[in-house]
Amino acid sequence: MSANQLINMALRMLTRKAVNKGLNAGVKQMSKGNAAQGKLTPEERAARKQAQETAKRAKQAARLARRLGKF
């Protein structure tokens, strides 16, 4: 392996980690919302729960994609 290939490999790994952390933080922020839990209507509470479940599924899919990408 040449030095150029090693540098590119290291940069790809660092970039991938940074992008994944940013995506996870964004998904977490979007699913959390701004309103206090006690002030929500039942419909808003149900929508929030659904958003959190969707975020959880998205994280699982991202993890699975990362695992499959290694092969």
PDB file of N, CA and C in Angstrom:
ATOM      1  N   MET A   1       0.833  -1.178   0.000  1.00  0.00           N
ATOM      2  CA  MET A   1       0.000   0.000   0.000  1.00  0.00           C
ATOM      3  C   MET A   1       0.882   1.247   0.000  1.00  0.00           C
ATOM      4  N   SER A   2       0.481   2.173  -0.797  1.00  0.00           N
ATOM      5  CA  SER A   2       1.235   3.417  -0.838  1.00  0.00           C
ATOM      6  C   SER A   2       0.743   4.357   0.263  1.00  0.00           C
ATOM      7  N   ALA A   3       1.506   5.398   0.471  1.00  0.00           N
ATOM      8  CA  ALA A   3       1.151   6.374   1.503  1.00  0.00           C
ATOM      9  C   ALA A   3      -0.176   7.060   1.156  1.00  0.00           C
ATOM     10  N   ASN A   4      -0.406   7.290  -0.126  1.00  0.00           N
ATOM     11  CA  ASN A   4      -1.647   7.943  -0.557  1.00  0.00           C
ATOM     12  C   ASN A   4      -2.859   7.091  -0.210  1.00  0.00           C
ATOM     13  N   GLN A   5      -2.774   5.798  -0.423  1.00  0.00           N
ATOM     14  CA  GLN A   5      -3.879   4.901  -0.103  1.00  0.00           C
ATOM     15  C   GLN A   5      -4.148   4.869   1.401  1.00  0.00           C
ATOM     16  N   LEU A   6      -3.080   4.865   2.210  1.00  0.00           N
ATOM     17  CA  LEU A   6      -3.248   4.851   3.662  1.00  0.00           C
ATOM     18  C   LEU A   6      -3.901   6.138   4.154  1.00  0.00           C
ATOM     19  N   ILE A   7      -3.484   7.261   3.601  1.00  0.00           N
ATOM     20  CA  ILE A   7      -4.072   8.548   3.991  1.00  0.00           C
ATOM     21  C   ILE A   7      -5.541   8.590   3.601  1.00  0.00           C
ATOM     22  N   ASN A   8      -5.869   8.159   2.386  1.00  0.00           N
ATOM     23  CA  ASN A   8      -7.263   8.148   1.939  1.00  0.00           C
ATOM     24  C   ASN A   8      -8.119   7.242   2.813  1.00  0.00           C
ATOM     25  N   MET A   9      -7.597   6.085   3.187  1.00  0.00           N
ATOM     26  CA  MET A   9      -8.339   5.150   4.020  1.00  0.00           C
ATOM     27  C   MET A   9      -8.625   5.781   5.392  1.00  0.00           C
ATOM     28  N   ALA A  10      -7.616   6.411   5.986  1.00  0.00           N
ATOM     29  CA  ALA A  10      -7.799   7.040   7.291  1.00  0.00           C
ATOM     30  C   ALA A  10      -8.813   8.184   7.208  1.00  0.00           C
ATOM     31  N   LEU A  11      -8.733   8.983   6.160  1.00  0.00           N
ATOM     32  CA  LEU A  11      -9.680  10.090   5.995  1.00  0.00           C
ATOM     33  C   LEU A  11     -11.103   9.588   5.802  1.00  0.00           C
ATOM     34  N   ARG A  12     -11.289   8.521   5.037  1.00  0.00           N
ATOM     35  CA  ARG A  12     -12.622   7.952   4.853  1.00  0.00           C
ATOM     36  C   ARG A  12     -13.195   7.470   6.171  1.00  0.00           C
ATOM     37  N   MET A  13     -12.369   6.819   6.983  1.00  0.00           N
ATOM     38  CA  MET A  13     -12.844   6.324   8.280  1.00  0.00           C
ATOM     39  C   MET A  13     -13.263   7.483   9.179  1.00  0.00           C
ATOM     40  N   LEU A  14     -12.449   8.526   9.246  1.00  0.00           N
ATOM     41  CA  LEU A  14     -12.779   9.674  10.094  1.00  0.00           C
ATOM     42  C   LEU A  14     -14.024  10.393   9.588  1.00  0.00           C
ATOM     43  N   THR A  15     -14.132  10.544   8.272  1.00  0.00           N
ATOM     44  CA  THR A  15     -15.301  11.212   7.692  1.00  0.00           C
ATOM     45  C   THR A  15     -16.559  10.414   7.979  1.00  0.00           C
ATOM     46  N   ARG A  16     -16.499   9.108   7.831  1.00  0.00           N
ATOM     47  CA  ARG A  16     -17.658   8.254   8.075  1.00  0.00           C
ATOM     48  C   ARG A  16     -18.126   8.381   9.527  1.00  0.00           C
ATOM     49  N   LYS A  17     -17.168   8.373  10.462  1.00  0.00           N
ATOM     50  CA  LYS A  17     -17.536   8.499  11.870  1.00  0.00           C
ATOM     51  C   LYS A  17     -18.171   9.854  12.161  1.00  0.00           C
ATOM     52  N   ALA A  18     -17.615  10.900  11.595  1.00  0.00           N
ATOM     53  CA  ALA A  18     -18.163  12.242  11.833  1.00  0.00           C
ATOM     54  C   ALA A  18     -19.567  12.376  11.258  1.00  0.00           C
ATOM     55  N   VAL A  19     -19.781  11.864  10.051  1.00  0.00           N
ATOM     56  CA  VAL A  19     -21.102  11.945   9.428  1.00  0.00           C
ATOM     57  C   VAL A  19     -22.119  11.143  10.228  1.00  0.00           C
ATOM     58  N   ASN A  20     -21.752   9.956  10.671  1.00  0.00           N
ATOM     59  CA  ASN A  20     -22.671   9.133  11.453  1.00  0.00           C
ATOM     60  C   ASN A  20     -23.036   9.799  12.776  1.00  0.00           C
ATOM     61  N   LYS A  21     -22.056  10.424  13.434  1.00  0.00           N
ATOM     62  CA  LYS A  21     -22.360  11.116  14.689  1.00  0.00           C
ATOM     63  C   LYS A  21     -23.310  12.278  14.438  1.00  0.00           C
ATOM     64  N   GLY A  22     -23.089  13.004  13.359  1.00  0.00           N
ATOM     65  CA  GLY A  22     -23.967  14.125  13.031  1.00  0.00           C
ATOM     66  C   GLY A  22     -25.381  13.665  12.715  1.00  0.00           C
ATOM     67  N   LEU A  23     -25.508  12.593  11.952  1.00  0.00           N
ATOM     68  CA  LEU A  23     -26.832  12.059  11.632  1.00  0.00           C
ATOM     69  C   LEU A  23     -27.548  11.582  12.886  1.00  0.00           C
ATOM     70  N   ASN A  24     -26.831  10.872  13.730  1.00  0.00           N
ATOM     71  CA  ASN A  24     -27.455  10.377  14.962  1.00  0.00           C
ATOM     72  C   ASN A  24     -27.902  11.533  15.854  1.00  0.00           C
ATOM     73  N   ALA A  25     -27.089  12.567  15.955  1.00  0.00           N
ATOM     74  CA  ALA A  25     -27.464  13.728  16.769  1.00  0.00           C
ATOM     75  C   ALA A  25     -28.695  14.419  16.186  1.00  0.00           C
ATOM     76  N   GLY A  26     -28.757  14.532  14.871  1.00  0.00           N
ATOM     77  CA  GLY A  26     -29.899  15.168  14.225  1.00  0.00           C
ATOM     78  C   GLY A  26     -31.179  14.376  14.412  1.00  0.00           C
ATOM     79  N   VAL A  27     -31.100  13.071  14.265  1.00  0.00           N
ATOM     80  CA  VAL A  27     -32.274  12.213  14.450  1.00  0.00           C
ATOM     81  C   VAL A  27     -32.752  12.293  15.895  1.00  0.00           C
ATOM     82  N   LYS A  28     -31.810  12.292  16.831  1.00  0.00           N
ATOM     83  CA  LYS A  28     -32.162  12.383  18.245  1.00  0.00           C
ATOM     84  C   LYS A  28     -32.850  13.713  18.549  1.00  0.00           C
ATOM     85  N   GLN A  29     -32.307  14.799  18.010  1.00  0.00           N
ATOM     86  CA  GLN A  29     -32.877  16.119  18.242  1.00  0.00           C
ATOM     87  C   GLN A  29     -34.275  16.233  17.651  1.00  0.00           C
ATOM     88  N   MET A  30     -34.467  15.725  16.448  1.00  0.00           N
ATOM     89  CA  MET A  30     -35.769  15.804  15.797  1.00  0.00           C
ATOM     90  C   MET A  30     -36.811  14.959  16.530  1.00  0.00           C
ATOM     91  N   SER A  31     -36.422  13.827  17.066  1.00  0.00           N
ATOM     92  CA  SER A  31     -37.385  12.968  17.731  1.00  0.00           C
ATOM     93  C   SER A  31     -37.704  13.468  19.142  1.00  0.00           C
ATOM     94  N   LYS A  32     -36.809  14.258  19.733  1.00  0.00           N
ATOM     95  CA  LYS A  32     -37.024  14.756  21.091  1.00  0.00           C
ATOM     96  C   LYS A  32     -38.057  15.874  21.116  1.00  0.00           C
ATOM     97  N   GLY A  33     -37.959  16.815  20.221  1.00  0.00           N
ATOM     98  CA  GLY A  33     -38.915  17.917  20.183  1.00  0.00           C
ATOM     99  C   GLY A  33     -38.607  18.979  21.220  1.00  0.00           C
ATOM    100  N   ASN A  34     -39.403  20.056  21.239  1.00  0.00           N
ATOM    101  CA  ASN A  34     -39.155  21.181  22.127  1.00  0.00           C
ATOM    102  C   ASN A  34     -40.131  21.269  23.286  1.00  0.00           C
ATOM    103  N   ALA A  35     -41.351  20.779  23.129  1.00  0.00           N
ATOM    104  CA  ALA A  35     -42.387  20.953  24.145  1.00  0.00           C
ATOM    105  C   ALA A  35     -42.123  20.071  25.351  1.00  0.00           C
ATOM    106  N   ALA A  36     -42.593  20.512  26.490  1.00  0.00           N
ATOM    107  CA  ALA A  36     -42.476  19.711  27.702  1.00  0.00           C
ATOM    108  C   ALA A  36     -43.458  18.540  27.614  1.00  0.00           C
ATOM    109  N   GLN A  37     -43.092  17.421  28.173  1.00  0.00           N
ATOM    110  CA  GLN A  37     -43.910  16.208  28.057  1.00  0.00           C
ATOM    111  C   GLN A  37     -45.287  16.401  28.695  1.00  0.00           C
ATOM    112  N   GLY A  38     -45.394  17.117  29.788  1.00  0.00           N
ATOM    113  CA  GLY A  38     -46.661  17.268  30.480  1.00  0.00           C
ATOM    114  C   GLY A  38     -47.653  18.167  29.757  1.00  0.00           C
ATOM    115  N   LYS A  39     -47.217  19.029  28.867  1.00  0.00           N
ATOM    116  CA  LYS A  39     -48.092  19.989  28.207  1.00  0.00           C
ATOM    117  C   LYS A  39     -48.598  19.511  26.846  1.00  0.00           C
ATOM    118  N   LEU A  40     -48.335  18.272  26.490  1.00  0.00           N
ATOM    119  CA  LEU A  40     -48.733  17.757  25.182  1.00  0.00           C
ATOM    120  C   LEU A  40     -50.153  17.197  25.223  1.00  0.00           C
ATOM    121  N   THR A  41     -50.830  17.349  24.102  1.00  0.00           N
ATOM    122  CA  THR A  41     -52.137  16.715  23.966  1.00  0.00           C
ATOM    123  C   THR A  41     -51.926  15.230  23.671  1.00  0.00           C
ATOM    124  N   PRO A  42     -52.943  14.408  23.839  1.00  0.00           N
ATOM    125  CA  PRO A  42     -52.770  12.976  23.541  1.00  0.00           C
ATOM    126  C   PRO A  42     -52.321  12.716  22.096  1.00  0.00           C
ATOM    127  N   GLU A  43     -52.810  13.519  21.149  1.00  0.00           N
ATOM    128  CA  GLU A  43     -52.399  13.326  19.755  1.00  0.00           C
ATOM    129  C   GLU A  43     -50.917  13.642  19.576  1.00  0.00           C
ATOM    130  N   GLU A  44     -50.469  14.740  20.210  1.00  0.00           N
ATOM    131  CA  GLU A  44     -49.054  15.104  20.105  1.00  0.00           C
ATOM    132  C   GLU A  44     -48.174  14.068  20.775  1.00  0.00           C
ATOM    133  N   ARG A  45     -48.656  13.535  21.911  1.00  0.00           N
ATOM    134  CA  ARG A  45     -47.897  12.502  22.619  1.00  0.00           C
ATOM    135  C   ARG A  45     -47.751  11.258  21.750  1.00  0.00           C
ATOM    136  N   ALA A  46     -48.822  10.867  21.062  1.00  0.00           N
ATOM    137  CA  ALA A  46     -48.776   9.690  20.183  1.00  0.00           C
ATOM    138  C   ALA A  46     -47.840   9.943  19.009  1.00  0.00           C
ATOM    139  N   ALA A  47     -47.884  11.165  18.462  1.00  0.00           N
ATOM    140  CA  ALA A  47     -47.010  11.502  17.332  1.00  0.00           C
ATOM    141  C   ALA A  47     -45.552  11.474  17.765  1.00  0.00           C
ATOM    142  N   ARG A  48     -45.282  11.967  18.968  1.00  0.00           N
ATOM    143  CA  ARG A  48     -43.905  11.959  19.472  1.00  0.00           C
ATOM    144  C   ARG A  48     -43.406  10.530  19.651  1.00  0.00           C
ATOM    145  N   LYS A  49     -44.256   9.680  20.211  1.00  0.00           N
ATOM    146  CA  LYS A  49     -43.859   8.283  20.414  1.00  0.00           C
ATOM    147  C   LYS A  49     -43.569   7.607  19.074  1.00  0.00           C
ATOM    148  N   GLN A  50     -44.400   7.878  18.075  1.00  0.00           N
ATOM    149  CA  GLN A  50     -44.187   7.306  16.756  1.00  0.00           C
ATOM    150  C   GLN A  50     -42.886   7.822  16.150  1.00  0.00           C
ATOM    151  N   ALA A  51     -42.585   9.096  16.343  1.00  0.00           N
ATOM    152  CA  ALA A  51     -41.341   9.665  15.824  1.00  0.00           C
ATOM    153  C   ALA A  51     -40.131   9.020  16.494  1.00  0.00           C
ATOM    154  N   GLN A  52     -40.226   8.772  17.788  1.00  0.00           N
ATOM    155  CA  GLN A  52     -39.122   8.126  18.486  1.00  0.00           C
ATOM    156  C   GLN A  52     -38.923   6.691  17.998  1.00  0.00           C
ATOM    157  N   GLU A  53     -40.011   5.979  17.744  1.00  0.00           N
ATOM    158  CA  GLU A  53     -39.892   4.614  17.222  1.00  0.00           C
ATOM    159  C   GLU A  53     -39.292   4.621  15.824  1.00  0.00           C
ATOM    160  N   THR A  54     -39.689   5.594  15.010  1.00  0.00           N
ATOM    161  CA  THR A  54     -39.132   5.712  13.665  1.00  0.00           C
ATOM    162  C   THR A  54     -37.641   6.011  13.738  1.00  0.00           C
ATOM    163  N   ALA A  55     -37.240   6.883  14.647  1.00  0.00           N
ATOM    164  CA  ALA A  55     -35.824   7.199  14.824  1.00  0.00           C
ATOM    165  C   ALA A  55     -35.047   5.956  15.254  1.00  0.00           C
ATOM    166  N   LYS A  56     -35.646   5.171  16.135  1.00  0.00           N
ATOM    167  CA  LYS A  56     -34.992   3.943  16.589  1.00  0.00           C
ATOM    168  C   LYS A  56     -34.793   2.976  15.418  1.00  0.00           C
ATOM    169  N   ARG A  57     -35.828   2.835  14.584  1.00  0.00           N
ATOM    170  CA  ARG A  57     -35.709   1.956  13.417  1.00  0.00           C
ATOM    171  C   ARG A  57     -34.660   2.480  12.440  1.00  0.00           C
ATOM    172  N   ALA A  58     -34.589   3.798  12.265  1.00  0.00           N
ATOM    173  CA  ALA A  58     -33.598   4.382  11.366  1.00  0.00           C
ATOM    174  C   ALA A  58     -32.179   4.120  11.868  1.00  0.00           C
ATOM    175  N   LYS A  59     -31.986   4.226  13.180  1.00  0.00           N
ATOM    176  CA  LYS A  59     -30.668   3.925  13.753  1.00  0.00           C
ATOM    177  C   LYS A  59     -30.302   2.460  13.530  1.00  0.00           C
ATOM    178  N   GLN A  60     -31.270   1.569  13.734  1.00  0.00           N
ATOM    179  CA  GLN A  60     -31.007   0.145  13.531  1.00  0.00           C
ATOM    180  C   GLN A  60     -30.648  -0.133  12.079  1.00  0.00           C
ATOM    181  N   ALA A  61     -31.363   0.501  11.154  1.00  0.00           N
ATOM    182  CA  ALA A  61     -31.076   0.310   9.733  1.00  0.00           C
ATOM    183  C   ALA A  61     -29.691   0.841   9.389  1.00  0.00           C
ATOM    184  N   ALA A  62     -29.313   1.971   9.970  1.00  0.00           N
ATOM    185  CA  ALA A  62     -27.982   2.529   9.718  1.00  0.00           C
ATOM    186  C   ALA A  62     -26.906   1.594  10.249  1.00  0.00           C
ATOM    187  N   ARG A  63     -27.137   1.031  11.438  1.00  0.00           N
ATOM    188  CA  ARG A  63     -26.178   0.077  11.999  1.00  0.00           C
ATOM    189  C   ARG A  63     -26.031  -1.144  11.106  1.00  0.00           C
ATOM    190  N   LEU A  64     -27.165  -1.663  10.630  1.00  0.00           N
ATOM    191  CA  LEU A  64     -27.147  -2.833   9.764  1.00  0.00           C
ATOM    192  C   LEU A  64     -26.407  -2.517   8.458  1.00  0.00           C
ATOM    193  N   ALA A  65     -26.654  -1.343   7.908  1.00  0.00           N
ATOM    194  CA  ALA A  65     -25.986  -0.948   6.661  1.00  0.00           C
ATOM    195  C   ALA A  65     -24.474  -0.846   6.880  1.00  0.00           C
ATOM    196  N   ARG A  66     -24.067  -0.340   8.032  1.00  0.00           N
ATOM    197  CA  ARG A  66     -22.624  -0.239   8.318  1.00  0.00           C
ATOM    198  C   ARG A  66     -22.017  -1.635   8.425  1.00  0.00           C
ATOM    199  N   ARG A  67     -22.756  -2.556   9.078  1.00  0.00           N
ATOM    200  CA  ARG A  67     -22.241  -3.921   9.190  1.00  0.00           C
ATOM    201  C   ARG A  67     -22.111  -4.583   7.823  1.00  0.00           C
ATOM    202  N   LEU A  68     -23.146  -4.429   7.001  1.00  0.00           N
ATOM    203  CA  LEU A  68     -23.116  -5.062   5.684  1.00  0.00           C
ATOM    204  C   LEU A  68     -22.076  -4.408   4.790  1.00  0.00           C
ATOM    205  N   GLY A  69     -21.788  -3.136   5.009  1.00  0.00           N
ATOM    206  CA  GLY A  69     -20.805  -2.439   4.206  1.00  0.00           C
ATOM    207  C   GLY A  69     -19.394  -2.923   4.441  1.00  0.00           C
ATOM    208  N   LYS A  70     -19.153  -3.612   5.546  1.00  0.00           N
ATOM    209  CA  LYS A  70     -17.811  -4.110   5.846  1.00  0.00           C
ATOM    210  C   LYS A  70     -17.440  -5.317   4.990  1.00  0.00           C
ATOM    211  N   PHE A  71     -18.444  -5.978   4.428  1.00  0.00           N
ATOM    212  CA  PHE A  71     -18.158  -7.197   3.666  1.00  0.00           C
ATOM    213  C   PHE A  71     -17.968  -6.936   2.223  1.00  0.00           C
TER     214      PHE A  71
END
